[in-house]
């Protein structure tokens, strides 16, 4: 068996039913910290859902971690330092170290604001992966 794991997080319409967080004090409905369920070493992932009108209720910034927010449904806004940006399905927002951030689902959103947050740190990535290899002789498994 190779070094891989699989966890089913359900469809985006099921994310709101999960209650979780990085610890009990930061747990809330609609948050699942997927990297706590897998042996992830260099990246983190959370699946999130806010009801229309609901907000994070706090600002935060990271000194070492970069985050990528991939919005899948609903309409909302992110506070980024002194700016407010609109987000919706298809918005992808990279937030660098030291940037203060918060978010909310717009009250008039036609459904939950759903997104994945990918967290990463460590060494900067090269412009293209430089650690891969190909095996053109290897037959496809299907």
Protein backbone atom coordinates (compact mmCIF):
# COMPACT_ATOMS: atom_id res chain seq x y z
CA UNK A 1 0.00 0.00 0.00
CA UNK A 2 1.27 3.46 -0.89
CA UNK A 3 1.47 6.51 1.32
CA UNK A 4 -2.05 7.85 0.86
CA UNK A 5 -5.27 8.26 2.83
CA UNK A 6 -8.87 8.96 1.88
CA UNK A 7 -11.56 10.69 3.92
CA UNK A 8 -15.06 11.51 2.70
CA UNK A 9 -16.11 15.02 3.72
CA UNK A 10 -19.46 14.82 1.91
CA UNK A 11 -20.91 17.21 -0.60
CA UNK A 12 -20.78 20.94 0.08
CA UNK A 13 -24.46 20.85 1.04
CA UNK A 14 -23.53 18.62 4.00
CA UNK A 15 -20.72 20.76 5.46
CA UNK A 16 -22.96 22.89 7.66
CA UNK A 17 -23.91 19.83 9.73
CA UNK A 18 -20.33 19.36 10.95
CA UNK A 19 -19.23 21.09 14.15
CA UNK A 20 -15.50 21.52 14.57
CA UNK A 21 -12.45 23.71 14.89
CA UNK A 22 -8.79 23.73 15.74
CA UNK A 23 -9.75 23.36 19.42
CA UNK A 24 -12.95 23.47 21.48
CA UNK A 25 -12.78 27.25 22.00
CA UNK A 26 -12.70 27.86 18.23
CA UNK A 27 -15.22 25.22 17.18
CA UNK A 28 -18.37 26.25 15.34
CA UNK A 29 -21.06 24.79 13.14
CA UNK A 30 -20.05 24.48 9.52
CA UNK A 31 -16.31 23.92 10.05
CA UNK A 32 -14.37 20.72 9.48
CA UNK A 33 -10.59 20.66 9.88
CA UNK A 34 -9.81 17.95 7.36
CA UNK A 35 -6.07 17.89 8.06
CA UNK A 36 -6.83 16.70 11.62
CA UNK A 37 -8.31 13.57 10.05
CA UNK A 38 -5.40 12.86 7.71
CA UNK A 39 -1.65 12.64 8.31
CA UNK A 40 -0.92 15.88 6.45
CA UNK A 41 2.57 17.31 6.91
CA UNK A 42 2.88 20.47 4.83
CA UNK A 43 -0.64 21.62 3.97
CA UNK A 44 -3.88 22.07 5.87
CA UNK A 45 -7.46 22.03 4.68
CA UNK A 46 -10.76 23.07 6.20
CA UNK A 47 -14.27 22.83 4.71
CA UNK A 48 -16.55 25.71 5.77
CA UNK A 49 -20.17 26.85 5.50
CA UNK A 50 -21.84 29.98 6.90
CA UNK A 51 -25.55 30.73 6.83
CA UNK A 52 -26.65 33.99 5.16
CA UNK A 53 -25.92 36.86 7.57
CA UNK A 54 -23.45 34.83 9.66
CA UNK A 55 -19.88 36.07 10.10
CA UNK A 56 -16.60 34.79 11.50
CA UNK A 57 -16.80 37.18 14.45
CA UNK A 58 -13.03 37.65 14.65
CA UNK A 59 -10.00 38.82 12.68
CA UNK A 60 -6.82 36.77 12.42
CA UNK A 61 -3.40 36.90 10.76
CA UNK A 62 -0.63 34.34 10.37
CA UNK A 63 3.10 34.99 10.66
CA UNK A 64 4.25 31.84 8.78
CA UNK A 65 1.19 30.39 7.05
CA UNK A 66 -0.20 31.40 3.66
CA UNK A 67 -3.90 30.65 3.02
CA UNK A 68 -5.89 30.08 -0.14
CA UNK A 69 -9.68 30.47 0.03
CA UNK A 70 -11.64 28.71 -2.74
CA UNK A 71 -15.30 29.78 -2.69
CA UNK A 72 -17.78 27.22 -4.00
CA UNK A 73 -21.26 28.63 -3.28
CA UNK A 74 -23.12 31.63 -1.89
CA UNK A 75 -22.14 35.26 -1.69
CA UNK A 76 -20.03 36.95 0.94
CA UNK A 77 -17.28 39.36 1.75
CA UNK A 78 -13.76 39.15 3.11
CA UNK A 79 -12.10 41.83 5.18
CA UNK A 80 -8.42 41.97 4.18
CA UNK A 81 -6.47 44.51 6.21
CA UNK A 82 -8.29 47.76 5.30
CA UNK A 83 -10.15 46.38 2.26
CA UNK A 84 -13.49 44.60 1.87
CA UNK A 85 -13.77 42.34 -1.19
CA UNK A 86 -16.83 40.53 -2.50
CA UNK A 87 -16.58 36.75 -2.90
CA UNK A 88 -18.88 34.17 -4.51
CA UNK A 89 -18.69 30.78 -6.18
CA UNK A 90 -15.56 30.81 -8.32
CA UNK A 91 -13.64 33.39 -6.26
CA UNK A 92 -10.15 32.30 -5.21
CA UNK A 93 -8.37 34.53 -2.69
CA UNK A 94 -4.72 34.11 -1.67
CA UNK A 95 -3.88 35.71 1.67
CA UNK A 96 -0.23 36.15 2.57
CA UNK A 97 1.50 36.21 5.93
CA UNK A 98 0.76 39.19 8.12
CA UNK A 99 -2.52 40.12 6.39
CA UNK A 100 -5.49 40.46 8.76
CA UNK A 101 -8.55 38.62 7.50
CA UNK A 102 -12.19 37.95 8.36
CA UNK A 103 -15.26 36.92 6.37
CA UNK A 104 -19.04 36.87 6.31
CA UNK A 105 -21.94 35.50 4.30
CA UNK A 106 -24.08 38.32 2.93
CA UNK A 107 -27.55 38.46 4.52
CA UNK A 108 -29.11 38.47 1.04
CA UNK A 109 -27.09 35.45 -0.19
CA UNK A 110 -29.36 32.89 -1.81
CA UNK A 111 -27.71 30.13 0.23
CA UNK A 112 -24.79 29.25 2.45
CA UNK A 113 -21.35 30.70 1.77
CA UNK A 114 -19.22 27.57 1.27
CA UNK A 115 -15.48 27.45 0.82
CA UNK A 116 -12.34 25.43 1.24
CA UNK A 117 -9.38 27.00 3.02
CA UNK A 118 -5.98 25.58 2.10
CA UNK A 119 -3.14 26.45 4.50
CA UNK A 120 0.54 25.98 3.71
CA UNK A 121 3.88 27.06 5.04
CA UNK A 122 7.54 26.20 4.77
CA UNK A 123 9.70 26.73 1.73
CA UNK A 124 8.50 28.76 -1.24
CA UNK A 125 7.24 26.60 -4.10
CA UNK A 126 9.29 26.54 -7.30
CA UNK A 127 7.62 28.01 -10.44
CA UNK A 128 6.90 24.44 -11.57
CA UNK A 129 7.16 21.20 -9.59
CA UNK A 130 10.80 20.15 -9.66
CA UNK A 131 10.48 16.91 -7.69
CA UNK A 132 8.28 14.85 -10.01
CA UNK A 133 9.15 12.07 -12.41
CA UNK A 134 7.25 10.35 -15.21
CA UNK A 135 7.12 6.72 -16.24
CA UNK A 136 5.80 6.51 -19.81
CA UNK A 137 6.22 2.71 -19.79
CA UNK A 138 3.89 2.22 -16.84
CA UNK A 139 0.48 1.00 -18.01
CA UNK A 140 -2.70 2.75 -16.93
CA UNK A 141 -4.70 0.92 -14.22
CA UNK A 142 -8.05 1.10 -16.03
